Full PDB file with SEQRES, HELIX, SHEET, SSBOND, CRYST1, ORIGX, SCALE, CONECT and MASTER records, all heavy atoms in Angstrom:
SEQRES   1 A   40  LYS VAL LEU CYS HIS GLY ASP TYR GLN LYS PRO LEU GLY          
SEQRES   2 A   40  PHE TYR GLY PHE ASP PRO GLY LYS LEU VAL VAL ILE THR          
SEQRES   3 A   40  LYS ASP THR PRO LEU PRO GLY ILE ALA PHE GLY ASN PHE          
SEQRES   4 A   40  MET                                                          
HELIX    1 AA1 ILE A   34  PHE A   39  1                                   6    
CRYST1    1.000    1.000    1.000  90.00  90.00  90.00 P 1           1          
ORIGX1      1.000000  0.000000  0.000000        0.00000                         
ORIGX2      0.000000  1.000000  0.000000        0.00000                         
ORIGX3      0.000000  0.000000  1.000000        0.00000                         
SCALE1      1.000000  0.000000  0.000000        0.00000                         
SCALE2      0.000000  1.000000  0.000000        0.00000                         
SCALE3      0.000000  0.000000  1.000000        0.00000                         
ATOM      1  N   LYS A   1     -29.854  17.022 -16.620  1.00  0.00           N  
ATOM      2  CA  LYS A   1     -30.229  15.627 -16.699  1.00  0.00           C  
ATOM      3  C   LYS A   1     -31.561  15.499 -17.451  1.00  0.00           C  
ATOM      4  O   LYS A   1     -32.353  16.462 -17.485  1.00  0.00           O  
ATOM      5  CB  LYS A   1     -30.380  14.995 -15.295  1.00  0.00           C  
ATOM      6  CG  LYS A   1     -29.087  14.967 -14.474  1.00  0.00           C  
ATOM      7  CD  LYS A   1     -28.072  13.983 -15.081  1.00  0.00           C  
ATOM      8  CE  LYS A   1     -26.795  13.930 -14.232  1.00  0.00           C  
ATOM      9  NZ  LYS A   1     -25.821  12.994 -14.811  1.00  0.00           N  
ATOM     10  N   VAL A   2     -31.789  14.346 -18.044  1.00  0.00           N  
ATOM     11  CA  VAL A   2     -33.066  14.083 -18.723  1.00  0.00           C  
ATOM     12  C   VAL A   2     -33.730  12.928 -17.996  1.00  0.00           C  
ATOM     13  O   VAL A   2     -33.172  11.831 -17.908  1.00  0.00           O  
ATOM     14  CB  VAL A   2     -32.873  13.768 -20.220  1.00  0.00           C  
ATOM     15  CG1 VAL A   2     -34.238  13.613 -20.880  1.00  0.00           C  
ATOM     16  CG2 VAL A   2     -32.080  14.869 -20.907  1.00  0.00           C  
ATOM     17  N   LEU A   3     -34.896  13.184 -17.455  1.00  0.00           N  
ATOM     18  CA  LEU A   3     -35.605  12.244 -16.603  1.00  0.00           C  
ATOM     19  C   LEU A   3     -35.763  10.869 -17.306  1.00  0.00           C  
ATOM     20  O   LEU A   3     -36.347  10.788 -18.387  1.00  0.00           O  
ATOM     21  CB  LEU A   3     -36.979  12.812 -16.258  1.00  0.00           C  
ATOM     22  CG  LEU A   3     -37.787  12.142 -15.161  1.00  0.00           C  
ATOM     23  CD1 LEU A   3     -37.042  12.146 -13.826  1.00  0.00           C  
ATOM     24  CD2 LEU A   3     -39.128  12.849 -14.992  1.00  0.00           C  
ATOM     25  N   CYS A   4     -35.242   9.832 -16.645  1.00  0.00           N  
ATOM     26  CA  CYS A   4     -35.367   8.453 -17.118  1.00  0.00           C  
ATOM     27  C   CYS A   4     -34.702   8.225 -18.487  1.00  0.00           C  
ATOM     28  O   CYS A   4     -35.068   7.274 -19.200  1.00  0.00           O  
ATOM     29  CB  CYS A   4     -36.829   8.020 -17.165  1.00  0.00           C  
ATOM     30  SG  CYS A   4     -37.648   8.064 -15.533  1.00  0.00           S  
ATOM     31  N   HIS A   5     -33.780   9.060 -18.851  1.00  0.00           N  
ATOM     32  CA  HIS A   5     -33.006   8.894 -20.072  1.00  0.00           C  
ATOM     33  C   HIS A   5     -31.523   9.060 -19.749  1.00  0.00           C  
ATOM     34  O   HIS A   5     -31.165   9.595 -18.704  1.00  0.00           O  
ATOM     35  CB  HIS A   5     -33.414   9.916 -21.148  1.00  0.00           C  
ATOM     36  CG  HIS A   5     -34.727   9.630 -21.792  1.00  0.00           C  
ATOM     37  ND1 HIS A   5     -34.852   8.758 -22.851  1.00  0.00           N  
ATOM     38  CD2 HIS A   5     -35.972  10.084 -21.513  1.00  0.00           C  
ATOM     39  CE1 HIS A   5     -36.128   8.684 -23.215  1.00  0.00           C  
ATOM     40  NE2 HIS A   5     -36.822   9.467 -22.410  1.00  0.00           N  
ATOM     41  N   GLY A   6     -30.689   8.607 -20.653  1.00  0.00           N  
ATOM     42  CA  GLY A   6     -29.241   8.653 -20.371  1.00  0.00           C  
ATOM     43  C   GLY A   6     -28.937   7.763 -19.169  1.00  0.00           C  
ATOM     44  O   GLY A   6     -29.365   6.628 -19.112  1.00  0.00           O  
ATOM     45  N   ASP A   7     -28.237   8.328 -18.182  1.00  0.00           N  
ATOM     46  CA  ASP A   7     -27.905   7.567 -16.983  1.00  0.00           C  
ATOM     47  C   ASP A   7     -28.838   7.902 -15.812  1.00  0.00           C  
ATOM     48  O   ASP A   7     -28.554   7.547 -14.680  1.00  0.00           O  
ATOM     49  CB  ASP A   7     -26.449   7.764 -16.582  1.00  0.00           C  
ATOM     50  CG  ASP A   7     -26.143   9.211 -16.201  1.00  0.00           C  
ATOM     51  OD1 ASP A   7     -27.053  10.052 -16.295  1.00  0.00           O  
ATOM     52  OD2 ASP A   7     -24.983   9.496 -15.812  1.00  0.00           O  
ATOM     53  N   TYR A   8     -29.940   8.597 -16.084  1.00  0.00           N  
ATOM     54  CA  TYR A   8     -30.876   8.975 -15.041  1.00  0.00           C  
ATOM     55  C   TYR A   8     -31.869   7.843 -14.798  1.00  0.00           C  
ATOM     56  O   TYR A   8     -32.728   7.577 -15.607  1.00  0.00           O  
ATOM     57  CB  TYR A   8     -31.628  10.249 -15.449  1.00  0.00           C  
ATOM     58  CG  TYR A   8     -32.289  10.988 -14.330  1.00  0.00           C  
ATOM     59  CD1 TYR A   8     -31.920  12.287 -14.001  1.00  0.00           C  
ATOM     60  CD2 TYR A   8     -33.330  10.423 -13.586  1.00  0.00           C  
ATOM     61  CE1 TYR A   8     -32.520  13.011 -12.983  1.00  0.00           C  
ATOM     62  CE2 TYR A   8     -33.941  11.115 -12.561  1.00  0.00           C  
ATOM     63  CZ  TYR A   8     -33.537  12.398 -12.271  1.00  0.00           C  
ATOM     64  OH  TYR A   8     -34.151  13.096 -11.255  1.00  0.00           O  
ATOM     65  N   GLN A   9     -31.730   7.153 -13.689  1.00  0.00           N  
ATOM     66  CA  GLN A   9     -32.597   6.026 -13.352  1.00  0.00           C  
ATOM     67  C   GLN A   9     -33.989   6.472 -12.943  1.00  0.00           C  
ATOM     68  O   GLN A   9     -34.177   7.579 -12.400  1.00  0.00           O  
ATOM     69  CB  GLN A   9     -31.982   5.199 -12.223  1.00  0.00           C  
ATOM     70  CG  GLN A   9     -30.627   4.591 -12.553  1.00  0.00           C  
ATOM     71  CD  GLN A   9     -30.686   3.675 -13.751  1.00  0.00           C  
ATOM     72  OE1 GLN A   9     -31.500   2.746 -13.787  1.00  0.00           O  
ATOM     73  NE2 GLN A   9     -29.816   3.929 -14.729  1.00  0.00           N  
ATOM     74  N   LYS A  10     -34.966   5.631 -13.159  1.00  0.00           N  
ATOM     75  CA  LYS A  10     -36.346   5.935 -12.791  1.00  0.00           C  
ATOM     76  C   LYS A  10     -36.442   6.124 -11.273  1.00  0.00           C  
ATOM     77  O   LYS A  10     -36.035   5.261 -10.494  1.00  0.00           O  
ATOM     78  CB  LYS A  10     -37.270   4.795 -13.233  1.00  0.00           C  
ATOM     79  CG  LYS A  10     -38.743   4.978 -12.850  1.00  0.00           C  
ATOM     80  CD  LYS A  10     -39.626   3.998 -13.610  1.00  0.00           C  
ATOM     81  CE  LYS A  10     -39.399   2.579 -13.179  1.00  0.00           C  
ATOM     82  NZ  LYS A  10     -39.899   2.286 -11.807  1.00  0.00           N  
ATOM     83  N   PRO A  11     -36.962   7.266 -10.813  1.00  0.00           N  
ATOM     84  CA  PRO A  11     -37.109   7.505  -9.380  1.00  0.00           C  
ATOM     85  C   PRO A  11     -37.970   6.451  -8.714  1.00  0.00           C  
ATOM     86  O   PRO A  11     -38.885   5.895  -9.325  1.00  0.00           O  
ATOM     87  CB  PRO A  11     -37.767   8.887  -9.331  1.00  0.00           C  
ATOM     88  CG  PRO A  11     -37.376   9.553 -10.595  1.00  0.00           C  
ATOM     89  CD  PRO A  11     -37.355   8.444 -11.607  1.00  0.00           C  
ATOM     90  N   LEU A  12     -37.710   6.192  -7.446  1.00  0.00           N  
ATOM     91  CA  LEU A  12     -38.439   5.171  -6.703  1.00  0.00           C  
ATOM     92  C   LEU A  12     -39.926   5.455  -6.618  1.00  0.00           C  
ATOM     93  O   LEU A  12     -40.729   4.550  -6.536  1.00  0.00           O  
ATOM     94  CB  LEU A  12     -37.827   5.030  -5.303  1.00  0.00           C  
ATOM     95  CG  LEU A  12     -36.414   4.503  -5.192  1.00  0.00           C  
ATOM     96  CD1 LEU A  12     -35.927   4.509  -3.757  1.00  0.00           C  
ATOM     97  CD2 LEU A  12     -36.323   3.093  -5.783  1.00  0.00           C  
ATOM     98  N   GLY A  13     -40.294   6.756  -6.639  1.00  0.00           N  
ATOM     99  CA  GLY A  13     -41.704   7.110  -6.544  1.00  0.00           C  
ATOM    100  C   GLY A  13     -42.479   6.960  -7.821  1.00  0.00           C  
ATOM    101  O   GLY A  13     -43.691   7.206  -7.841  1.00  0.00           O  
ATOM    102  N   PHE A  14     -41.804   6.622  -8.899  1.00  0.00           N  
ATOM    103  CA  PHE A  14     -42.471   6.431 -10.201  1.00  0.00           C  
ATOM    104  C   PHE A  14     -42.820   4.964 -10.357  1.00  0.00           C  
ATOM    105  O   PHE A  14     -41.914   4.110 -10.373  1.00  0.00           O  
ATOM    106  CB  PHE A  14     -41.563   6.837 -11.357  1.00  0.00           C  
ATOM    107  CG  PHE A  14     -41.285   8.300 -11.484  1.00  0.00           C  
ATOM    108  CD1 PHE A  14     -41.589   9.190 -10.481  1.00  0.00           C  
ATOM    109  CD2 PHE A  14     -40.714   8.805 -12.657  1.00  0.00           C  
ATOM    110  CE1 PHE A  14     -41.321  10.558 -10.626  1.00  0.00           C  
ATOM    111  CE2 PHE A  14     -40.438  10.144 -12.808  1.00  0.00           C  
ATOM    112  CZ  PHE A  14     -40.740  11.032 -11.786  1.00  0.00           C  
ATOM    113  N   TYR A  15     -44.091   4.647 -10.537  1.00  0.00           N  
ATOM    114  CA  TYR A  15     -44.461   3.261 -10.857  1.00  0.00           C  
ATOM    115  C   TYR A  15     -43.988   2.930 -12.269  1.00  0.00           C  
ATOM    116  O   TYR A  15     -43.460   1.847 -12.537  1.00  0.00           O  
ATOM    117  CB  TYR A  15     -45.984   3.079 -10.756  1.00  0.00           C  
ATOM    118  CG  TYR A  15     -46.428   1.721 -11.232  1.00  0.00           C  
ATOM    119  CD1 TYR A  15     -46.249   0.596 -10.425  1.00  0.00           C  
ATOM    120  CD2 TYR A  15     -47.026   1.546 -12.485  1.00  0.00           C  
ATOM    121  CE1 TYR A  15     -46.645  -0.653 -10.868  1.00  0.00           C  
ATOM    122  CE2 TYR A  15     -47.418   0.309 -12.944  1.00  0.00           C  
ATOM    123  CZ  TYR A  15     -47.239  -0.803 -12.119  1.00  0.00           C  
ATOM    124  OH  TYR A  15     -47.612  -2.046 -12.565  1.00  0.00           O  
ATOM    125  N   GLY A  16     -44.162   3.874 -13.202  1.00  0.00           N  
ATOM    126  CA  GLY A  16     -43.736   3.706 -14.564  1.00  0.00           C  
ATOM    127  C   GLY A  16     -43.481   5.059 -15.189  1.00  0.00           C  
ATOM    128  O   GLY A  16     -43.821   6.103 -14.621  1.00  0.00           O  
ATOM    129  N   PHE A  17     -42.919   5.036 -16.401  1.00  0.00           N  
ATOM    130  CA  PHE A  17     -42.601   6.289 -17.069  1.00  0.00           C  
ATOM    131  C   PHE A  17     -42.693   6.089 -18.591  1.00  0.00           C  
ATOM    132  O   PHE A  17     -42.274   5.041 -19.107  1.00  0.00           O  
ATOM    133  CB  PHE A  17     -41.205   6.774 -16.705  1.00  0.00           C  
ATOM    134  CG  PHE A  17     -40.868   8.124 -17.239  1.00  0.00           C  
ATOM    135  CD1 PHE A  17     -41.355   9.271 -16.632  1.00  0.00           C  
ATOM    136  CD2 PHE A  17     -40.073   8.272 -18.365  1.00  0.00           C  
ATOM    137  CE1 PHE A  17     -41.078  10.550 -17.124  1.00  0.00           C  
ATOM    138  CE2 PHE A  17     -39.763   9.523 -18.877  1.00  0.00           C  
ATOM    139  CZ  PHE A  17     -40.283  10.668 -18.258  1.00  0.00           C  
ATOM    140  N   ASP A  18     -43.241   7.088 -19.264  1.00  0.00           N  
ATOM    141  CA  ASP A  18     -43.334   7.077 -20.724  1.00  0.00           C  
ATOM    142  C   ASP A  18     -42.062   7.630 -21.318  1.00  0.00           C  
ATOM    143  O   ASP A  18     -41.775   8.819 -21.153  1.00  0.00           O  
ATOM    144  CB  ASP A  18     -44.537   7.922 -21.149  1.00  0.00           C  
ATOM    145  CG  ASP A  18     -44.571   8.158 -22.641  1.00  0.00           C  
ATOM    146  OD1 ASP A  18     -43.940   7.387 -23.409  1.00  0.00           O  
ATOM    147  OD2 ASP A  18     -45.243   9.114 -23.055  1.00  0.00           O  
ATOM    148  N   PRO A  19     -41.259   6.809 -21.997  1.00  0.00           N  
ATOM    149  CA  PRO A  19     -39.983   7.318 -22.551  1.00  0.00           C  
ATOM    150  C   PRO A  19     -40.166   8.343 -23.656  1.00  0.00           C  
ATOM    151  O   PRO A  19     -39.199   9.012 -24.059  1.00  0.00           O  
ATOM    152  CB  PRO A  19     -39.330   6.047 -23.103  1.00  0.00           C  
ATOM    153  CG  PRO A  19     -40.440   5.091 -23.381  1.00  0.00           C  
ATOM    154  CD  PRO A  19     -41.460   5.396 -22.303  1.00  0.00           C  
ATOM    155  N   GLY A  20     -41.391   8.523 -24.131  1.00  0.00           N  
ATOM    156  CA  GLY A  20     -41.666   9.530 -25.147  1.00  0.00           C  
ATOM    157  C   GLY A  20     -41.624  10.947 -24.617  1.00  0.00           C  
ATOM    158  O   GLY A  20     -41.556  11.910 -25.378  1.00  0.00           O  
ATOM    159  N   LYS A  21     -41.648  11.112 -23.287  1.00  0.00           N  
ATOM    160  CA  LYS A  21     -41.540  12.447 -22.698  1.00  0.00           C  
ATOM    161  C   LYS A  21     -40.061  12.700 -22.371  1.00  0.00           C  
ATOM    162  O   LYS A  21     -39.422  11.899 -21.682  1.00  0.00           O  
ATOM    163  CB  LYS A  21     -42.379  12.554 -21.421  1.00  0.00           C  
ATOM    164  CG  LYS A  21     -43.879  12.682 -21.689  1.00  0.00           C  
ATOM    165  CD  LYS A  21     -44.191  14.053 -22.260  1.00  0.00           C  
ATOM    166  CE  LYS A  21     -45.656  14.159 -22.653  1.00  0.00           C  
ATOM    167  NZ  LYS A  21     -46.577  14.154 -21.527  1.00  0.00           N  
ATOM    168  N   LEU A  22     -39.551  13.811 -22.866  1.00  0.00           N  
ATOM    169  CA  LEU A  22     -38.177  14.204 -22.581  1.00  0.00           C  
ATOM    170  C   LEU A  22     -38.228  15.378 -21.629  1.00  0.00           C  
ATOM    171  O   LEU A  22     -38.462  16.540 -22.012  1.00  0.00           O  
ATOM    172  CB  LEU A  22     -37.470  14.592 -23.889  1.00  0.00           C  
ATOM    173  CG  LEU A  22     -37.506  13.519 -24.975  1.00  0.00           C  
ATOM    174  CD1 LEU A  22     -36.759  13.993 -26.222  1.00  0.00           C  
ATOM    175  CD2 LEU A  22     -36.903  12.191 -24.483  1.00  0.00           C  
ATOM    176  N   VAL A  23     -38.026  15.063 -20.335  1.00  0.00           N  
ATOM    177  CA  VAL A  23     -38.118  16.068 -19.288  1.00  0.00           C  
ATOM    178  C   VAL A  23     -36.701  16.443 -18.855  1.00  0.00           C  
ATOM    179  O   VAL A  23     -36.006  15.631 -18.245  1.00  0.00           O  
ATOM    180  CB  VAL A  23     -38.929  15.531 -18.088  1.00  0.00           C  
ATOM    181  CG1 VAL A  23     -39.052  16.589 -17.005  1.00  0.00           C  
ATOM    182  CG2 VAL A  23     -40.309  15.081 -18.559  1.00  0.00           C  
ATOM    183  N   VAL A  24     -36.268  17.629 -19.229  1.00  0.00           N  
ATOM    184  CA  VAL A  24     -34.910  18.080 -18.931  1.00  0.00           C  
ATOM    185  C   VAL A  24     -34.888  18.769 -17.559  1.00  0.00           C  
ATOM    186  O   VAL A  24     -35.568  19.770 -17.361  1.00  0.00           O  
ATOM    187  CB  VAL A  24     -34.406  19.056 -20.007  1.00  0.00           C  
ATOM    188  CG1 VAL A  24     -32.941  19.417 -19.734  1.00  0.00           C  
ATOM    189  CG2 VAL A  24     -34.529  18.433 -21.402  1.00  0.00           C  
ATOM    190  N   ILE A  25     -34.144  18.167 -16.620  1.00  0.00           N  
ATOM    191  CA  ILE A  25     -34.061  18.709 -15.259  1.00  0.00           C  
ATOM    192  C   ILE A  25     -33.056  19.882 -15.277  1.00  0.00           C  
ATOM    193  O   ILE A  25     -31.864  19.681 -15.518  1.00  0.00           O  
ATOM    194  CB  ILE A  25     -33.616  17.646 -14.264  1.00  0.00           C  
ATOM    195  CG1 ILE A  25     -34.486  16.396 -14.395  1.00  0.00           C  
ATOM    196  CG2 ILE A  25     -33.682  18.204 -12.848  1.00  0.00           C  
ATOM    197  CD1 ILE A  25     -35.952  16.630 -14.258  1.00  0.00           C  
ATOM    198  N   THR A  26     -33.544  21.079 -15.013  1.00  0.00           N  
ATOM    199  CA  THR A  26     -32.703  22.263 -15.083  1.00  0.00           C  
ATOM    200  C   THR A  26     -32.472  22.901 -13.693  1.00  0.00           C  
ATOM    201  O   THR A  26     -31.875  23.971 -13.600  1.00  0.00           O  
ATOM    202  CB  THR A  26     -33.355  23.333 -15.995  1.00  0.00           C  
ATOM    203  OG1 THR A  26     -34.646  23.660 -15.467  1.00  0.00           O  
ATOM    204  CG2 THR A  26     -33.513  22.786 -17.395  1.00  0.00           C  
ATOM    205  N   LYS A  27     -32.932  22.205 -12.671  1.00  0.00           N  
ATOM    206  CA  LYS A  27     -32.771  22.687 -11.298  1.00  0.00           C  
ATOM    207  C   LYS A  27     -31.287  22.818 -10.964  1.00  0.00           C  
ATOM    208  O   LYS A  27     -30.481  21.962 -11.291  1.00  0.00           O  
ATOM    209  CB  LYS A  27     -33.408  21.664 -10.358  1.00  0.00           C  
ATOM    210  CG  LYS A  27     -33.489  22.070  -8.924  1.00  0.00           C  
ATOM    211  CD  LYS A  27     -34.206  20.944  -8.147  1.00  0.00           C  
ATOM    212  CE  LYS A  27     -34.296  21.278  -6.669  1.00  0.00           C  
ATOM    213  NZ  LYS A  27     -34.974  20.177  -5.910  1.00  0.00           N  
ATOM    214  N   ASP A  28     -30.900  23.950 -10.389  1.00  0.00           N  
ATOM    215  CA  ASP A  28     -29.508  24.213  -9.993  1.00  0.00           C  
ATOM    216  C   ASP A  28     -28.560  24.250 -11.178  1.00  0.00           C  
ATOM    217  O   ASP A  28     -27.410  23.784 -11.109  1.00  0.00           O  
ATOM    218  CB  ASP A  28     -29.042  23.186  -8.958  1.00  0.00           C  
ATOM    219  CG  ASP A  28     -29.855  23.203  -7.708  1.00  0.00           C  
ATOM    220  OD1 ASP A  28     -30.285  24.293  -7.280  1.00  0.00           O  
ATOM    221  OD2 ASP A  28     -30.123  22.121  -7.153  1.00  0.00           O  
ATOM    222  N   THR A  29     -29.027  24.737 -12.317  1.00  0.00           N  
ATOM    223  CA  THR A  29     -28.199  24.892 -13.516  1.00  0.00           C  
ATOM    224  C   THR A  29     -28.135  26.372 -13.896  1.00  0.00           C  
ATOM    225  O   THR A  29     -28.937  27.177 -13.418  1.00  0.00           O  
ATOM    226  CB  THR A  29     -28.730  24.104 -14.700  1.00  0.00           C  
ATOM    227  OG1 THR A  29     -29.957  24.694 -15.140  1.00  0.00           O  
ATOM    228  CG2 THR A  29     -28.983  22.627 -14.337  1.00  0.00           C  
ATOM    229  N   PRO A  30     -27.219  26.763 -14.792  1.00  0.00           N  
ATOM    230  CA  PRO A  30     -27.146  28.167 -15.200  1.00  0.00           C  
ATOM    231  C   PRO A  30     -28.393  28.636 -15.973  1.00  0.00           C  
ATOM    232  O   PRO A  30     -28.671  29.840 -16.058  1.00  0.00           O  
ATOM    233  CB  PRO A  30     -25.921  28.208 -16.109  1.00  0.00           C  
ATOM    234  CG  PRO A  30     -25.113  27.007 -15.753  1.00  0.00           C  
ATOM    235  CD  PRO A  30     -26.113  25.975 -15.322  1.00  0.00           C  
ATOM    236  N   LEU A  31     -29.116  27.690 -16.568  1.00  0.00           N  
ATOM    237  CA  LEU A  31     -30.321  28.041 -17.323  1.00  0.00           C  
ATOM    238  C   LEU A  31     -31.537  27.290 -16.769  1.00  0.00           C  
ATOM    239  O   LEU A  31     -32.062  26.381 -17.385  1.00  0.00           O  
ATOM    240  CB  LEU A  31     -30.136  27.695 -18.813  1.00  0.00           C  
ATOM    241  CG  LEU A  31     -29.107  28.484 -19.599  1.00  0.00           C  
ATOM    242  CD1 LEU A  31     -28.966  27.921 -21.000  1.00  0.00           C  
ATOM    243  CD2 LEU A  31     -29.495  29.968 -19.654  1.00  0.00           C  
ATOM    244  N   PRO A  32     -31.998  27.667 -15.591  1.00  0.00           N  
ATOM    245  CA  PRO A  32     -33.134  26.962 -15.009  1.00  0.00           C  
ATOM    246  C   PRO A  32     -34.445  27.371 -15.678  1.00  0.00           C  
ATOM    247  O   PRO A  32     -34.607  28.496 -16.149  1.00  0.00           O  
ATOM    248  CB  PRO A  32     -33.112  27.420 -13.559  1.00  0.00           C  
ATOM    249  CG  PRO A  32     -32.493  28.780 -13.594  1.00  0.00           C  
ATOM    250  CD  PRO A  32     -31.487  28.718 -14.695  1.00  0.00           C  
ATOM    251  N   GLY A  33     -35.362  26.417 -15.756  1.00  0.00           N  
ATOM    252  CA  GLY A  33     -36.714  26.685 -16.167  1.00  0.00           C  
ATOM    253  C   GLY A  33     -36.877  27.472 -17.449  1.00  0.00           C  
ATOM    254  O   GLY A  33     -36.501  27.072 -18.531  1.00  0.00           O  
ATOM    255  N   ILE A  34     -37.444  28.685 -17.289  1.00  0.00           N  
ATOM    256  CA  ILE A  34     -37.805  29.530 -18.431  1.00  0.00           C  
ATOM    257  C   ILE A  34     -36.566  29.906 -19.244  1.00  0.00           C  
ATOM    258  O   ILE A  34     -36.632  29.971 -20.468  1.00  0.00           O  
ATOM    259  CB  ILE A  34     -38.505  30.824 -17.936  1.00  0.00           C  
ATOM    260  CG1 ILE A  34     -39.759  30.478 -17.115  1.00  0.00           C  
ATOM    261  CG2 ILE A  34     -38.868  31.692 -19.139  1.00  0.00           C  
ATOM    262  CD1 ILE A  34     -40.794  29.692 -17.896  1.00  0.00           C  
ATOM    263  N   ALA A  35     -35.431  30.119 -18.599  1.00  0.00           N  
ATOM    264  CA  ALA A  35     -34.202  30.487 -19.316  1.00  0.00           C  
ATOM    265  C   ALA A  35     -33.776  29.373 -20.255  1.00  0.00           C  
ATOM    266  O   ALA A  35     -33.314  29.651 -21.382  1.00  0.00           O  
ATOM    267  CB  ALA A  35     -33.097  30.808 -18.326  1.00  0.00           C  
ATOM    268  N   PHE A  36     -33.909  28.142 -19.821  1.00  0.00           N  
ATOM    269  CA  PHE A  36     -33.564  27.013 -20.676  1.00  0.00           C  
ATOM    270  C   PHE A  36     -34.505  26.965 -21.892  1.00  0.00           C  
ATOM    271  O   PHE A  36     -34.076  26.780 -23.023  1.00  0.00           O  
ATOM    272  CB  PHE A  36     -33.669  25.705 -19.893  1.00  0.00           C  
ATOM    273  CG  PHE A  36     -33.389  24.463 -20.729  1.00  0.00           C  
ATOM    274  CD1 PHE A  36     -32.091  24.055 -20.952  1.00  0.00           C  
ATOM    275  CD2 PHE A  36     -34.434  23.747 -21.264  1.00  0.00           C  
ATOM    276  CE1 PHE A  36     -31.832  22.917 -21.735  1.00  0.00           C  
ATOM    277  CE2 PHE A  36     -34.205  22.613 -22.052  1.00  0.00           C  
ATOM    278  CZ  PHE A  36     -32.887  22.200 -22.279  1.00  0.00           C  
ATOM    279  N   GLY A  37     -35.802  27.187 -21.643  1.00  0.00           N  
ATOM    280  CA  GLY A  37     -36.763  27.203 -22.722  1.00  0.00           C  
ATOM    281  C   GLY A  37     -36.482  28.291 -23.721  1.00  0.00           C  
ATOM    282  O   GLY A  37     -36.574  28.107 -24.943  1.00  0.00           O  
ATOM    283  N   ASN A  38     -36.084  29.466 -23.224  1.00  0.00           N  
ATOM    284  CA  ASN A  38     -35.770  30.577 -24.107  1.00  0.00           C  
ATOM    285  C   ASN A  38     -34.514  30.306 -24.923  1.00  0.00           C  
ATOM    286  O   ASN A  38     -34.429  30.676 -26.113  1.00  0.00           O  
ATOM    287  CB  ASN A  38     -35.609  31.860 -23.305  1.00  0.00           C  
ATOM    288  CG  ASN A  38     -36.928  32.405 -22.795  1.00  0.00           C  
ATOM    289  OD1 ASN A  38     -37.973  32.087 -23.349  1.00  0.00           O  
ATOM    290  ND2 ASN A  38     -36.889  33.196 -21.739  1.00  0.00           N  
ATOM    291  N   PHE A  39     -33.521  29.654 -24.320  1.00  0.00           N  
ATOM    292  CA  PHE A  39     -32.326  29.285 -25.064  1.00  0.00           C  
ATOM    293  C   PHE A  39     -32.688  28.366 -26.214  1.00  0.00           C  
ATOM    294  O   PHE A  39     -32.232  28.548 -27.364  1.00  0.00           O  
ATOM    295  CB  PHE A  39     -31.295  28.612 -24.165  1.00  0.00           C  
ATOM    296  CG  PHE A  39     -30.140  28.005 -24.948  1.00  0.00           C  
ATOM    297  CD1 PHE A  39     -29.087  28.790 -25.362  1.00  0.00           C  
ATOM    298  CD2 PHE A  39     -30.137  26.650 -25.264  1.00  0.00           C  
ATOM    299  CE1 PHE A  39     -28.044  28.254 -26.101  1.00  0.00           C  
ATOM    300  CE2 PHE A  39     -29.106  26.099 -26.006  1.00  0.00           C  
ATOM    301  CZ  PHE A  39     -28.058  26.901 -26.437  1.00  0.00           C  
ATOM    302  N   MET A  40     -33.506  27.362 -25.926  1.00  0.00           N  
ATOM    303  CA  MET A  40     -33.898  26.420 -26.980  1.00  0.00           C  
ATOM    304  C   MET A  40     -34.701  27.129 -28.070  1.00  0.00           C  
ATOM    305  O   MET A  40     -34.490  26.871 -29.262  1.00  0.00           O  
ATOM    306  CB  MET A  40     -34.727  25.301 -26.357  1.00  0.00           C  
ATOM    307  CG  MET A  40     -33.920  24.311 -25.546  1.00  0.00           C  
ATOM    308  SD  MET A  40     -32.758  23.375 -26.613  1.00  0.00           S  
ATOM    309  CE  MET A  40     -31.626  22.714 -25.393  1.00  0.00           C  
TER     310      MET A  40                                                      
MASTER        0    0    0    1    0    0    0    6  309    1    0    4          
END                                                                             
């Protein structure tokens, strides 16, 4: 998922969000964290 992009709604704890940041959520995926970065 990409935070606040696509179909990912802004979390309730966020007052606001800068759409210029593309935060890819890799939790519980085959390429979490560093592995995703290395793939890219």
